[in-house]
Amino acid sequence: MDAEREPLVTIIGLSYNHAPYIKAALISLFNQSYSNIEIILVDDASTDGSAAIIQELIQGKNIVFIQNHINQGNCISFNSALKIAKGKYIVDFALDDILYPDRIKKQVNVLEAAADNVGVVFTNVDIMDKKGNLLQTHYPAYYHPLHRTAIPEGEVFEAVLSRYYINPVSMLARRTVFDKLNGYDEQLAYEDFDFWIRSSRLFNYVYLPEILSAKRLTPDSLSGLFYKKNQERMFASTLVVCKKAWWLCSTESEKKALVVRCRYETRQALNYGYGKIVKEYLTVLKEVDPYYYLYAPVAWVLLSVKKYI
């Protein structure tokens, strides 16, 4: 593609206490083989000096930096950058991850060649530890074509409702997708599930079977917060999205997928002791799950145990 005709891509980089990883993350943006990139960085009131590191690394570069002095969370921080973004395509990027050099170029080529109803392209991803050591790939069977399970693409609403299978760091989306959704839902503690559910009802997804990014697993990463105590807001956000999804389901198969998801989320909330959330899930399931009465009595008994209240 002629560099002068390349559509603009906006990378929105979000940071919250990512100090040890910011340099590597930003270098990966600076080293992209695609040239027409706008970078907007947001530090969400970090307490580890992240903002100062960002400011030092972007000196002399045409990069917009937004510094929150009060922690706002990912959804609000992203939306503040989205409001000033000029790109035809958008990347939501955490400043503890890595983009490989051809990431943007290859994904732009896919969407430029795709129909307008294709809103998102995603890929396979390397998974690394906090030191940058490779642990695995997001789709391990990628290296074994004879045993590879097909990755859902096209109309993926039911697939994203059923399970987590898209790695967020791998996505590039049309700006029109975010415009249709009015950005992220700022009432939520995290954005991925809600974005997948709402956008997949309106747009198709396409899978590019290459590894073009690396996701860093750290104790403080947003994905890791689900496995810590005192993260009720994360679970509450999932509940909100499941309720939204019910009104978006249009087939019996989709409704069954939502029931399976709600059962799973009920078990997770019960396991972590979030009794109020469990009760809300059970209230939802009572209305939609024909097998509710087979498991609900056990759940209600567990809720009566003091540790779950």
C-alpha atoms as a PDB file:
ATOM      1  CA  MET A   1       0.000   0.000   0.000  1.00  0.00           C
ATOM      2  CA  ASP A   2       1.324   3.451  -0.952  1.00  0.00           C
ATOM      3  CA  ALA A   3       2.421   5.209   2.271  1.00  0.00           C
ATOM      4  CA  GLU A   4       0.729   8.418   1.158  1.00  0.00           C
ATOM      5  CA  ARG A   5      -2.569   6.583   0.788  1.00  0.00           C
ATOM      6  CA  GLU A   6      -2.411   4.594   4.014  1.00  0.00           C
ATOM      7  CA  PRO A   7      -5.491   5.180   6.182  1.00  0.00           C
ATOM      8  CA  LEU A   8      -4.742   6.676   9.577  1.00  0.00           C
ATOM      9  CA  VAL A   9      -4.624   4.249  12.503  1.00  0.00           C
ATOM     10  CA  THR A  10      -5.007   5.550  16.052  1.00  0.00           C
ATOM     11  CA  ILE A  11      -3.349   3.554  18.813  1.00  0.00           C
ATOM     12  CA  ILE A  12      -4.782   4.428  22.220  1.00  0.00           C
ATOM     13  CA  GLY A  13      -2.261   3.334  24.840  1.00  0.00           C
ATOM     14  CA  LEU A  14      -3.500   2.995  28.411  1.00  0.00           C
ATOM     15  CA  SER A  15      -1.252   2.850  31.455  1.00  0.00           C
ATOM     16  CA  TYR A  16      -1.871   2.239  35.122  1.00  0.00           C
ATOM     17  CA  ASN A  17       1.247   1.371  37.125  1.00  0.00           C
ATOM     18  CA  HIS A  18       2.997  -0.126  34.113  1.00  0.00           C
ATOM     19  CA  ALA A  19       6.362   1.511  34.805  1.00  0.00           C
ATOM     20  CA  PRO A  20       8.583  -1.580  34.255  1.00  0.00           C
ATOM     21  CA  TYR A  21       7.010  -2.321  30.868  1.00  0.00           C
ATOM     22  CA  ILE A  22       6.329   1.056  29.272  1.00  0.00           C
ATOM     23  CA  LYS A  23       9.621   1.419  27.414  1.00  0.00           C
ATOM     24  CA  ALA A  24       9.280  -1.929  25.630  1.00  0.00           C
ATOM     25  CA  ALA A  25       5.630  -1.224  24.836  1.00  0.00           C
ATOM     26  CA  LEU A  26       6.331   2.201  23.330  1.00  0.00           C
ATOM     27  CA  ILE A  27       9.332   0.979  21.353  1.00  0.00           C
ATOM     28  CA  SER A  28       7.051  -1.629  19.785  1.00  0.00           C
ATOM     29  CA  LEU A  29       4.763   1.194  18.638  1.00  0.00           C
ATOM     30  CA  PHE A  30       7.634   3.299  17.306  1.00  0.00           C
ATOM     31  CA  ASN A  31       8.974   0.291  15.337  1.00  0.00           C
ATOM     32  CA  GLN A  32       5.797  -0.409  13.367  1.00  0.00           C
ATOM     33  CA  SER A  33       6.369  -0.935   9.644  1.00  0.00           C
ATOM     34  CA  TYR A  34       3.128   0.955   9.018  1.00  0.00           C
ATOM     35  CA  SER A  35       3.798   4.678   8.930  1.00  0.00           C
ATOM     36  CA  ASN A  36       0.467   6.505   9.194  1.00  0.00           C
ATOM     37  CA  ILE A  37      -0.129   6.095  12.926  1.00  0.00           C
ATOM     38  CA  GLU A  38      -1.527   8.483  15.512  1.00  0.00           C
ATOM     39  CA  ILE A  39      -0.590   7.653  19.114  1.00  0.00           C
ATOM     40  CA  ILE A  40      -2.629   8.864  22.084  1.00  0.00           C
ATOM     41  CA  LEU A  41      -1.407   7.811  25.531  1.00  0.00           C
ATOM     42  CA  VAL A  42      -3.389   7.979  28.765  1.00  0.00           C
ATOM     43  CA  ASP A  43      -1.917   7.465  32.220  1.00  0.00           C
ATOM     44  CA  ASP A  44      -4.683   6.740  34.699  1.00  0.00           C
ATOM     45  CA  ALA A  45      -3.206   8.344  37.836  1.00  0.00           C
ATOM     46  CA  SER A  46      -0.406   5.826  38.245  1.00  0.00           C
ATOM     47  CA  THR A  47       1.465   5.784  41.541  1.00  0.00           C
ATOM     48  CA  ASP A  48       4.697   4.195  40.282  1.00  0.00           C
ATOM     49  CA  GLY A  49       6.124   6.988  38.138  1.00  0.00           C
ATOM     50  CA  SER A  50       4.596   5.738  34.878  1.00  0.00           C
ATOM     51  CA  ALA A  51       3.607   9.237  33.769  1.00  0.00           C
ATOM     52  CA  ALA A  52       7.157  10.551  34.077  1.00  0.00           C
ATOM     53  CA  ILE A  53       8.515   7.590  32.096  1.00  0.00           C
ATOM     54  CA  ILE A  54       5.994   8.202  29.327  1.00  0.00           C
ATOM     55  CA  GLN A  55       6.797  11.912  29.168  1.00  0.00           C
ATOM     56  CA  GLU A  56      10.512  11.204  28.896  1.00  0.00           C
ATOM     57  CA  LEU A  57      10.104   8.596  26.147  1.00  0.00           C
ATOM     58  CA  ILE A  58       7.814  10.712  23.959  1.00  0.00           C
ATOM     59  CA  GLN A  59       9.853  13.921  24.079  1.00  0.00           C
ATOM     60  CA  GLY A  60      10.154  15.364  20.581  1.00  0.00           C
ATOM     61  CA  LYS A  61       7.529  13.019  19.159  1.00  0.00           C
ATOM     62  CA  ASN A  62       4.116  13.949  17.820  1.00  0.00           C
ATOM     63  CA  ILE A  63       2.222  12.029  20.491  1.00  0.00           C
ATOM     64  CA  VAL A  64      -0.754  13.174  22.545  1.00  0.00           C
ATOM     65  CA  PHE A  65      -0.451  12.467  26.273  1.00  0.00           C
ATOM     66  CA  ILE A  66      -3.389  12.649  28.673  1.00  0.00           C
ATOM     67  CA  GLN A  67      -2.574  12.438  32.375  1.00  0.00           C
ATOM     68  CA  ASN A  68      -5.436  11.636  34.730  1.00  0.00           C
ATOM     69  CA  HIS A  69      -4.896  12.984  38.232  1.00  0.00           C
ATOM     70  CA  ILE A  70      -7.733  10.842  39.595  1.00  0.00           C
ATOM     71  CA  ASN A  71      -8.015   7.184  38.632  1.00  0.00           C
ATOM     72  CA  GLN A  72     -10.872   6.814  36.138  1.00  0.00           C
ATOM     73  CA  GLY A  73     -10.626   3.196  35.021  1.00  0.00           C
ATOM     74  CA  ASN A  74     -10.025   1.808  31.552  1.00  0.00           C
ATOM     75  CA  CYS A  75     -13.399   2.605  30.013  1.00  0.00           C
ATOM     76  CA  ILE A  76     -13.434   6.314  30.840  1.00  0.00           C
ATOM     77  CA  SER A  77      -9.730   6.691  30.047  1.00  0.00           C
ATOM     78  CA  PHE A  78     -10.132   5.056  26.649  1.00  0.00           C
ATOM     79  CA  ASN A  79     -13.184   7.134  25.781  1.00  0.00           C
ATOM     80  CA  SER A  80     -11.365  10.364  26.619  1.00  0.00           C
ATOM     81  CA  ALA A  81      -8.762   9.471  23.999  1.00  0.00           C
ATOM     82  CA  LEU A  82     -11.326   8.174  21.512  1.00  0.00           C
ATOM     83  CA  LYS A  83     -13.027  11.582  21.499  1.00  0.00           C
ATOM     84  CA  ILE A  84      -9.948  13.186  19.956  1.00  0.00           C
ATOM     85  CA  ALA A  85      -8.801  10.230  17.836  1.00  0.00           C
ATOM     86  CA  LYS A  86      -8.709  10.876  14.097  1.00  0.00           C
ATOM     87  CA  GLY A  87      -7.983   7.378  12.796  1.00  0.00           C
ATOM     88  CA  LYS A  88     -10.096   5.274  10.466  1.00  0.00           C
ATOM     89  CA  TYR A  89      -8.974   2.302  12.542  1.00  0.00           C
ATOM     90  CA  ILE A  90      -8.516   2.034  16.304  1.00  0.00           C
ATOM     91  CA  VAL A  91      -6.272  -0.105  18.508  1.00  0.00           C
ATOM     92  CA  ASP A  92      -6.843  -0.333  22.265  1.00  0.00           C
ATOM     93  CA  PHE A  93      -3.374  -1.044  23.652  1.00  0.00           C
ATOM     94  CA  ALA A  94      -2.210  -1.632  27.222  1.00  0.00           C
ATOM     95  CA  LEU A  95       1.273  -0.275  27.914  1.00  0.00           C
ATOM     96  CA  ASP A  96       2.473  -3.577  29.323  1.00  0.00           C
ATOM     97  CA  ASP A  97       1.965  -5.455  26.039  1.00  0.00           C
ATOM     98  CA  ILE A  98       3.912  -5.594  22.774  1.00  0.00           C
ATOM     99  CA  LEU A  99       2.977  -5.134  19.114  1.00  0.00           C
ATOM    100  CA  TYR A 100       5.223  -6.895  16.605  1.00  0.00           C
ATOM    101  CA  PRO A 101       6.525  -4.727  13.714  1.00  0.00           C
ATOM    102  CA  ASP A 102       4.059  -5.778  10.990  1.00  0.00           C
ATOM    103  CA  ARG A 103       0.996  -5.907  13.257  1.00  0.00           C
ATOM    104  CA  ILE A 104      -0.737  -2.728  12.090  1.00  0.00           C
ATOM    105  CA  LYS A 105       0.177  -3.101   8.416  1.00  0.00           C
ATOM    106  CA  LYS A 106      -1.166  -6.635   8.122  1.00  0.00           C
ATOM    107  CA  GLN A 107      -4.401  -5.939   9.954  1.00  0.00           C
ATOM    108  CA  VAL A 108      -5.104  -2.766   7.988  1.00  0.00           C
ATOM    109  CA  ASN A 109      -4.613  -4.732   4.770  1.00  0.00           C
ATOM    110  CA  VAL A 110      -7.235  -7.234   5.944  1.00  0.00           C
ATOM    111  CA  LEU A 111      -9.874  -4.642   6.797  1.00  0.00           C
ATOM    112  CA  GLU A 112      -9.182  -2.538   3.714  1.00  0.00           C
ATOM    113  CA  ALA A 113      -9.953  -5.606   1.595  1.00  0.00           C
ATOM    114  CA  ALA A 114     -12.972  -6.669   3.660  1.00  0.00           C
ATOM    115  CA  ALA A 115     -16.617  -5.730   3.287  1.00  0.00           C
ATOM    116  CA  ASP A 116     -17.892  -2.786   5.323  1.00  0.00           C
ATOM    117  CA  ASN A 117     -19.810  -5.099   7.661  1.00  0.00           C
ATOM    118  CA  VAL A 118     -16.510  -6.576   8.875  1.00  0.00           C
ATOM    119  CA  GLY A 119     -15.666  -4.393  11.842  1.00  0.00           C
ATOM    120  CA  VAL A 120     -12.891  -6.188  13.714  1.00  0.00           C
ATOM    121  CA  VAL A 121      -9.833  -8.240  12.807  1.00  0.00           C
ATOM    122  CA  PHE A 122      -8.084 -10.331  15.477  1.00  0.00           C
ATOM    123  CA  THR A 123      -5.091 -12.669  15.522  1.00  0.00           C
ATOM    124  CA  ASN A 124      -3.191 -15.189  17.547  1.00  0.00           C
ATOM    125  CA  VAL A 125      -1.005 -13.817  20.358  1.00  0.00           C
ATOM    126  CA  ASP A 126       2.148 -14.768  22.229  1.00  0.00           C
ATOM    127  CA  ILE A 127       1.634 -14.998  25.988  1.00  0.00           C
ATOM    128  CA  MET A 128       4.612 -13.906  28.091  1.00  0.00           C
ATOM    129  CA  ASP A 129       5.353 -13.516  31.779  1.00  0.00           C
ATOM    130  CA  LYS A 130       6.215 -10.235  33.460  1.00  0.00           C
ATOM    131  CA  LYS A 131       9.881 -10.664  32.506  1.00  0.00           C
ATOM    132  CA  GLY A 132       9.054 -11.150  28.835  1.00  0.00           C
ATOM    133  CA  ASN A 133       9.612 -14.905  28.755  1.00  0.00           C
ATOM    134  CA  LEU A 134       7.354 -16.701  26.281  1.00  0.00           C
ATOM    135  CA  LEU A 135       4.898 -19.020  28.024  1.00  0.00           C
ATOM    136  CA  GLN A 136       2.585 -20.172  25.241  1.00  0.00           C
ATOM    137  CA  THR A 137       0.410 -18.886  22.431  1.00  0.00           C
ATOM    138  CA  HIS A 138      -3.210 -17.865  22.859  1.00  0.00           C
ATOM    139  CA  TYR A 139      -4.328 -20.526  20.380  1.00  0.00           C
ATOM    140  CA  PRO A 140      -1.825 -23.333  21.116  1.00  0.00           C
ATOM    141  CA  ALA A 141      -3.034 -25.492  18.214  1.00  0.00           C
ATOM    142  CA  TYR A 142      -1.928 -22.801  15.783  1.00  0.00           C
ATOM    143  CA  TYR A 143       1.309 -24.732  15.275  1.00  0.00           C
ATOM    144  CA  HIS A 144      -0.498 -28.028  14.636  1.00  0.00           C
ATOM    145  CA  PRO A 145      -2.770 -27.533  11.600  1.00  0.00           C
ATOM    146  CA  LEU A 146      -4.001 -31.135  11.618  1.00  0.00           C
ATOM    147  CA  HIS A 147      -5.317 -30.717  15.148  1.00  0.00           C
ATOM    148  CA  ARG A 148      -6.359 -27.094  14.975  1.00  0.00           C
ATOM    149  CA  THR A 149      -9.848 -26.227  16.163  1.00  0.00           C
ATOM    150  CA  ALA A 150     -11.537 -23.729  13.874  1.00  0.00           C
ATOM    151  CA  ILE A 151     -11.483 -20.197  15.284  1.00  0.00           C
ATOM    152  CA  PRO A 152     -14.979 -18.658  15.082  1.00  0.00           C
ATOM    153  CA  GLU A 153     -15.213 -15.682  12.747  1.00  0.00           C
ATOM    154  CA  GLY A 154     -17.906 -13.905  10.793  1.00  0.00           C
ATOM    155  CA  GLU A 155     -20.999 -13.644  12.975  1.00  0.00           C
ATOM    156  CA  VAL A 156     -19.425 -14.368  16.366  1.00  0.00           C
ATOM    157  CA  PHE A 157     -22.122 -13.184  18.784  1.00  0.00           C
ATOM    158  CA  GLU A 158     -22.919 -16.675  20.043  1.00  0.00           C
ATOM    159  CA  ALA A 159     -19.233 -17.595  20.238  1.00  0.00           C
ATOM    160  CA  VAL A 160     -18.215 -14.584  22.345  1.00  0.00           C
ATOM    161  CA  LEU A 161     -21.279 -15.113  24.499  1.00  0.00           C
ATOM    162  CA  SER A 162     -20.317 -18.729  25.136  1.00  0.00           C
ATOM    163  CA  ARG A 163     -16.678 -18.292  26.073  1.00  0.00           C
ATOM    164  CA  TYR A 164     -13.596 -16.100  26.125  1.00  0.00           C
ATOM    165  CA  TYR A 165     -11.617 -16.829  22.983  1.00  0.00           C
ATOM    166  CA  ILE A 166     -10.423 -13.509  21.499  1.00  0.00           C
ATOM    167  CA  ASN A 167      -7.338 -11.988  23.061  1.00  0.00           C
ATOM    168  CA  PRO A 168      -8.059  -8.242  23.371  1.00  0.00           C
ATOM    169  CA  VAL A 169      -4.503  -7.173  22.553  1.00  0.00           C
ATOM    170  CA  SER A 170      -4.901  -8.702  19.084  1.00  0.00           C
ATOM    171  CA  MET A 171      -7.796  -6.570  17.851  1.00  0.00           C
ATOM    172  CA  LEU A 172      -7.930  -3.746  15.330  1.00  0.00           C
ATOM    173  CA  ALA A 173     -11.381  -2.230  14.757  1.00  0.00           C
ATOM    174  CA  ARG A 174     -12.949   0.260  12.433  1.00  0.00           C
ATOM    175  CA  ARG A 175     -13.686   3.627  14.020  1.00  0.00           C
ATOM    176  CA  THR A 176     -17.273   3.174  12.869  1.00  0.00           C
ATOM    177  CA  VAL A 177     -17.636   0.264  15.302  1.00  0.00           C
ATOM    178  CA  PHE A 178     -16.857   2.514  18.262  1.00  0.00           C
ATOM    179  CA  ASP A 179     -19.088   5.245  16.873  1.00  0.00           C
ATOM    180  CA  LYS A 180     -22.030   2.831  16.684  1.00  0.00           C
ATOM    181  CA  LEU A 181     -21.420   1.753  20.285  1.00  0.00           C
ATOM    182  CA  ASN A 182     -20.753   5.277  21.601  1.00  0.00           C
ATOM    183  CA  GLY A 183     -17.406   4.002  22.866  1.00  0.00           C
ATOM    184  CA  TYR A 184     -17.037   1.818  25.915  1.00  0.00           C
ATOM    185  CA  ASP A 185     -19.701   1.636  28.617  1.00  0.00           C
ATOM    186  CA  GLU A 186     -18.231   3.860  31.334  1.00  0.00           C
ATOM    187  CA  GLN A 187     -20.302   2.196  34.060  1.00  0.00           C
ATOM    188  CA  LEU A 188     -18.285  -1.011  33.698  1.00  0.00           C
ATOM    189  CA  ALA A 189     -15.039  -1.998  35.396  1.00  0.00           C
ATOM    190  CA  TYR A 190     -13.683  -3.586  32.221  1.00  0.00           C
ATOM    191  CA  GLU A 191     -14.539  -3.328  28.556  1.00  0.00           C
ATOM    192  CA  ASP A 192     -13.780  -6.485  26.580  1.00  0.00           C
ATOM    193  CA  PHE A 193     -16.860  -8.651  27.126  1.00  0.00           C
ATOM    194  CA  ASP A 194     -19.269  -5.774  26.613  1.00  0.00           C
ATOM    195  CA  PHE A 195     -17.458  -4.650  23.456  1.00  0.00           C
ATOM    196  CA  TRP A 196     -17.564  -8.152  21.972  1.00  0.00           C
ATOM    197  CA  ILE A 197     -21.241  -8.642  22.777  1.00  0.00           C
ATOM    198  CA  ARG A 198     -22.461  -5.305  21.441  1.00  0.00           C
ATOM    199  CA  SER A 199     -20.166  -5.020  18.423  1.00  0.00           C
ATOM    200  CA  SER A 200     -20.657  -8.608  17.234  1.00  0.00           C
ATOM    201  CA  ARG A 201     -24.384  -8.016  17.006  1.00  0.00           C
ATOM    202  CA  LEU A 202     -23.691  -5.232  14.495  1.00  0.00           C
ATOM    203  CA  PHE A 203     -20.471  -6.264  12.727  1.00  0.00           C
ATOM    204  CA  ASN A 204     -18.661  -9.391  11.589  1.00  0.00           C
ATOM    205  CA  TYR A 205     -15.222 -10.387  12.855  1.00  0.00           C
ATOM    206  CA  VAL A 206     -12.375 -11.837  10.798  1.00  0.00           C
ATOM    207  CA  TYR A 207      -9.487 -13.959  12.089  1.00  0.00           C
ATOM    208  CA  LEU A 208      -5.966 -13.475  10.722  1.00  0.00           C
ATOM    209  CA  PRO A 209      -4.000 -16.648  11.636  1.00  0.00           C
ATOM    210  CA  GLU A 210      -0.706 -14.999  12.542  1.00  0.00           C
ATOM    211  CA  ILE A 211       1.018 -14.055  15.792  1.00  0.00           C
ATOM    212  CA  LEU A 212       1.359 -10.272  15.689  1.00  0.00           C
ATOM    213  CA  SER A 213       1.351  -9.251  19.370  1.00  0.00           C
ATOM    214  CA  ALA A 214       2.455 -10.366  22.810  1.00  0.00           C
ATOM    215  CA  LYS A 215       0.271 -10.258  25.917  1.00  0.00           C
ATOM    216  CA  ARG A 216       2.125  -9.828  29.200  1.00  0.00           C
ATOM    217  CA  LEU A 217       0.687 -11.600  32.235  1.00  0.00           C
ATOM    218  CA  THR A 218       1.335  -9.641  35.416  1.00  0.00           C
ATOM    219  CA  PRO A 219      -0.236  -9.823  38.880  1.00  0.00           C
ATOM    220  CA  ASP A 220      -1.749  -6.363  38.364  1.00  0.00           C
ATOM    221  CA  SER A 221      -3.032  -6.789  34.809  1.00  0.00           C
ATOM    222  CA  LEU A 222      -6.759  -6.288  34.381  1.00  0.00           C
ATOM    223  CA  SER A 223      -7.284  -9.921  33.404  1.00  0.00           C
ATOM    224  CA  GLY A 224      -5.522 -11.037  36.556  1.00  0.00           C
ATOM    225  CA  LEU A 225      -7.859  -9.069  38.792  1.00  0.00           C
ATOM    226  CA  PHE A 226     -10.612 -11.645  38.305  1.00  0.00           C
ATOM    227  CA  TYR A 227      -8.516 -14.094  40.296  1.00  0.00           C
ATOM    228  CA  LYS A 228      -8.008 -11.833  43.282  1.00  0.00           C
ATOM    229  CA  LYS A 229     -10.238 -11.189  46.227  1.00  0.00           C
ATOM    230  CA  ASN A 230     -12.127  -7.918  46.640  1.00  0.00           C
ATOM    231  CA  GLN A 231     -12.839  -7.524  42.938  1.00  0.00           C
ATOM    232  CA  GLU A 232     -16.623  -7.581  43.153  1.00  0.00           C
ATOM    233  CA  ARG A 233     -16.939  -4.731  40.644  1.00  0.00           C
ATOM    234  CA  MET A 234     -15.391  -6.912  37.934  1.00  0.00           C
ATOM    235  CA  PHE A 235     -17.968  -9.634  38.548  1.00  0.00           C
ATOM    236  CA  ALA A 236     -20.764  -7.071  38.754  1.00  0.00           C
ATOM    237  CA  SER A 237     -19.766  -5.732  35.331  1.00  0.00           C
ATOM    238  CA  THR A 238     -20.001  -9.207  33.828  1.00  0.00           C
ATOM    239  CA  LEU A 239     -23.506  -9.517  35.263  1.00  0.00           C
ATOM    240  CA  VAL A 240     -24.517  -6.223  33.636  1.00  0.00           C
ATOM    241  CA  VAL A 241     -23.241  -7.432  30.265  1.00  0.00           C
ATOM    242  CA  CYS A 242     -25.080 -10.749  30.579  1.00  0.00           C
ATOM    243  CA  LYS A 243     -28.302  -8.829  31.203  1.00  0.00           C
ATOM    244  CA  LYS A 244     -27.631  -6.705  28.108  1.00  0.00           C
ATOM    245  CA  ALA A 245     -26.936  -9.832  26.085  1.00  0.00           C
ATOM    246  CA  TRP A 246     -30.338 -11.315  26.879  1.00  0.00           C
ATOM    247  CA  TRP A 247     -32.034  -8.497  24.955  1.00  0.00           C
ATOM    248  CA  LEU A 248     -29.644  -8.985  22.044  1.00  0.00           C
ATOM    249  CA  CYS A 249     -30.248 -12.735  21.668  1.00  0.00           C
ATOM    250  CA  SER A 250     -32.315 -13.516  18.577  1.00  0.00           C
ATOM    251  CA  THR A 251     -32.213 -17.332  18.403  1.00  0.00           C
ATOM    252  CA  GLU A 252     -32.802 -20.202  20.806  1.00  0.00           C
ATOM    253  CA  SER A 253     -29.199 -21.275  20.324  1.00  0.00           C
ATOM    254  CA  GLU A 254     -27.971 -17.858  21.453  1.00  0.00           C
ATOM    255  CA  LYS A 255     -30.254 -17.949  24.484  1.00  0.00           C
ATOM    256  CA  LYS A 256     -28.901 -21.377  25.425  1.00  0.00           C
ATOM    257  CA  ALA A 257     -25.351 -20.026  25.126  1.00  0.00           C
ATOM    258  CA  LEU A 258     -26.261 -17.179  27.471  1.00  0.00           C
ATOM    259  CA  VAL A 259     -27.754 -19.612  29.995  1.00  0.00           C
ATOM    260  CA  VAL A 260     -24.529 -21.637  29.969  1.00  0.00           C
ATOM    261  CA  ARG A 261     -22.521 -18.440  30.459  1.00  0.00           C
ATOM    262  CA  CYS A 262     -24.722 -17.318  33.365  1.00  0.00           C
ATOM    263  CA  ARG A 263     -24.390 -20.711  35.056  1.00  0.00           C
ATOM    264  CA  TYR A 264     -20.614 -20.440  34.772  1.00  0.00           C
ATOM    265  CA  GLU A 265     -20.550 -16.882  36.111  1.00  0.00           C
ATOM    266  CA  THR A 266     -22.823 -17.932  38.994  1.00  0.00           C
ATOM    267  CA  ARG A 267     -20.323 -20.622  39.998  1.00  0.00           C
ATOM    268  CA  GLN A 268     -17.449 -18.153  39.774  1.00  0.00           C
ATOM    269  CA  ALA A 269     -19.226 -15.546  41.897  1.00  0.00           C
ATOM    270  CA  LEU A 270     -20.166 -18.225  44.417  1.00  0.00           C
ATOM    271  CA  ASN A 271     -16.581 -19.454  44.556  1.00  0.00           C
ATOM    272  CA  TYR A 272     -15.299 -15.948  45.332  1.00  0.00           C
ATOM    273  CA  GLY A 273     -18.014 -15.249  47.872  1.00  0.00           C
ATOM    274  CA  TYR A 274     -19.963 -12.535  46.064  1.00  0.00           C
ATOM    275  CA  GLY A 275     -23.365 -13.460  47.450  1.00  0.00           C
ATOM    276  CA  LYS A 276     -25.312 -10.487  46.110  1.00  0.00           C
ATOM    277  CA  ILE A 277     -24.129 -11.176  42.580  1.00  0.00           C
ATOM    278  CA  VAL A 278     -24.979 -14.870  42.897  1.00  0.00           C
ATOM    279  CA  LYS A 279     -28.513 -13.944  43.944  1.00  0.00           C
ATOM    280  CA  GLU A 280     -28.920 -11.687  40.918  1.00  0.00           C
ATOM    281  CA  TYR A 281     -27.715 -14.408  38.553  1.00  0.00           C
ATOM    282  CA  LEU A 282     -30.120 -16.890  40.125  1.00  0.00           C
ATOM    283  CA  THR A 283     -32.953 -14.414  39.656  1.00  0.00           C
ATOM    284  CA  VAL A 284     -32.076 -14.121  35.964  1.00  0.00           C
ATOM    285  CA  LEU A 285     -31.657 -17.873  35.513  1.00  0.00           C
ATOM    286  CA  LYS A 286     -34.999 -18.598  37.151  1.00  0.00           C
ATOM    287  CA  GLU A 287     -36.668 -16.820  34.241  1.00  0.00           C
ATOM    288  CA  VAL A 288     -34.628 -18.299  31.386  1.00  0.00           C
ATOM    289  CA  ASP A 289     -33.172 -21.688  32.395  1.00  0.00           C
ATOM    290  CA  PRO A 290     -35.487 -24.736  32.246  1.00  0.00           C
ATOM    291  CA  TYR A 291     -33.034 -26.644  34.449  1.00  0.00           C
ATOM    292  CA  TYR A 292     -32.915 -23.945  37.119  1.00  0.00           C
ATOM    293  CA  TYR A 293     -34.610 -26.073  39.769  1.00  0.00           C
ATOM    294  CA  LEU A 294     -32.005 -28.839  39.427  1.00  0.00           C
ATOM    295  CA  TYR A 295     -29.158 -26.725  40.775  1.00  0.00           C
ATOM    296  CA  ALA A 296     -30.716 -23.647  42.365  1.00  0.00           C
ATOM    297  CA  PRO A 297     -31.511 -25.302  45.744  1.00  0.00           C
ATOM    298  CA  VAL A 298     -27.833 -26.162  46.213  1.00  0.00           C
ATOM    299  CA  ALA A 299     -26.791 -22.608  45.350  1.00  0.00           C
ATOM    300  CA  TRP A 300     -29.286 -21.125  47.783  1.00  0.00           C
ATOM    301  CA  VAL A 301     -28.052 -23.448  50.542  1.00  0.00           C
ATOM    302  CA  LEU A 302     -24.477 -22.347  49.908  1.00  0.00           C
ATOM    303  CA  LEU A 303     -25.595 -18.743  50.026  1.00  0.00           C
ATOM    304  CA  SER A 304     -26.979 -19.341  53.484  1.00  0.00           C
ATOM    305  CA  VAL A 305     -23.507 -20.225  54.718  1.00  0.00           C
ATOM    306  CA  LYS A 306     -22.049 -17.207  56.526  1.00  0.00           C
ATOM    307  CA  LYS A 307     -18.895 -16.989  54.375  1.00  0.00           C
ATOM    308  CA  TYR A 308     -20.969 -16.276  51.274  1.00  0.00           C
ATOM    309  CA  ILE A 309     -23.138 -13.504  52.689  1.00  0.00           C
END
